């Protein structure tokens, strides 16, 4: 794909969206922002539209007042209009940074239209991996992973035949409670859970990092992206977050990708692939001492990760239920309706009670997702 690339950014006002905008500002000759979306922050979206002169903006929730826009900019709202933006003929590339399972429909719409998708929404593959991969394979659209761990694997395997891969390990900082005594986890509050030691992220993914549910979601995503069986997918605790993934090949050799804990590195690699240009943030100082320590995760400390690894072996609706119940539980935790340890209890309860079945269409999948969310919401009362 030639430059400049015309880019649609879905989820422009979140933390991933903000880092994506930093990359676009750094490379205005390479990336042209033509469309943006957000859930409800119309004021911030309008500011982005004015800065970059975008042609279309979209809010999922209709605002009481339409934000001030540049002349000629089109404003839309509603679910169908978001799909239209994701599949817009004029776009070369769609960056999906929508939070949660809501990112799946626009991801499918972009792939169906043959657009290259920079995927910063792991739930699209967790919830609808078979549909996403089938659509990409059928249309020839590329999925360029933008999560730091998956982008790290993506970089390590370039030029290597698929059959040469043996296994991979995704790294995790361990979150803010890595060294907290287990008996103290019941006292964790949303305020303390949102203080991640390394990364600046949105509230939902920050809580997911504390429970390690995010690493479980990333394992499921990796299964689809890199076509490896569950027993070949691993997690390592790496507190500094300098190494983002390690790939092991059949001959026993390993390749690792390293960069500071900033999302700009992975995002720029995906947005400008296969070219490399000056980054937004400074890279590692190789003249300094680097902590390259790794250890296996303690499953007693991270029950959400343990549940995700069990779910990883299921190609049916279990990953969907894990994701839906986790989203519901994290929302309740952030609202102080349940305790920190109840997040994993609600996920396990939902997995045990859900009537698991297969799906073949997006409508089937969305119906099952709604069922799973309802079950998790009912469980909140039980575990409050």
Foldseek 3Di string as FASTA:
>chain_A
DAPQFEEEEEALPFPLNVLLVLLCVVCVGRYQYAEYEHAAPQQVQQVVCVVRVHQEYEYQDDDPDHYDHPPNHYYYYHDVVLLCSLLPPVGQEYEQPDEAPSSQSSLLSNLLSQHAYAYPYLRNCLLPVVSNVVSCVVSVHHYQYLDLQVLFVVVVCVPPDLQFFQAKEFEAQLWPCNPPPLVCQQVDALVSLCCGPFANGDSLVSLCSNLVLVVLSVLLSCCSVSVDALVRYYYKHDNQQFWGMWTATPVGDIDTDGWGHDSQVSSSVRSNPPDDDDTSDDTDDPVDDDRPDIDHDDCVSRVSNVLSSVLSNDPWRLSLLSRLLLVLLSVCRNVVLATSVCSSVLSVQLSVPQPIDHDDDPVVSVVSSVVSNVSSVVCSVVGD
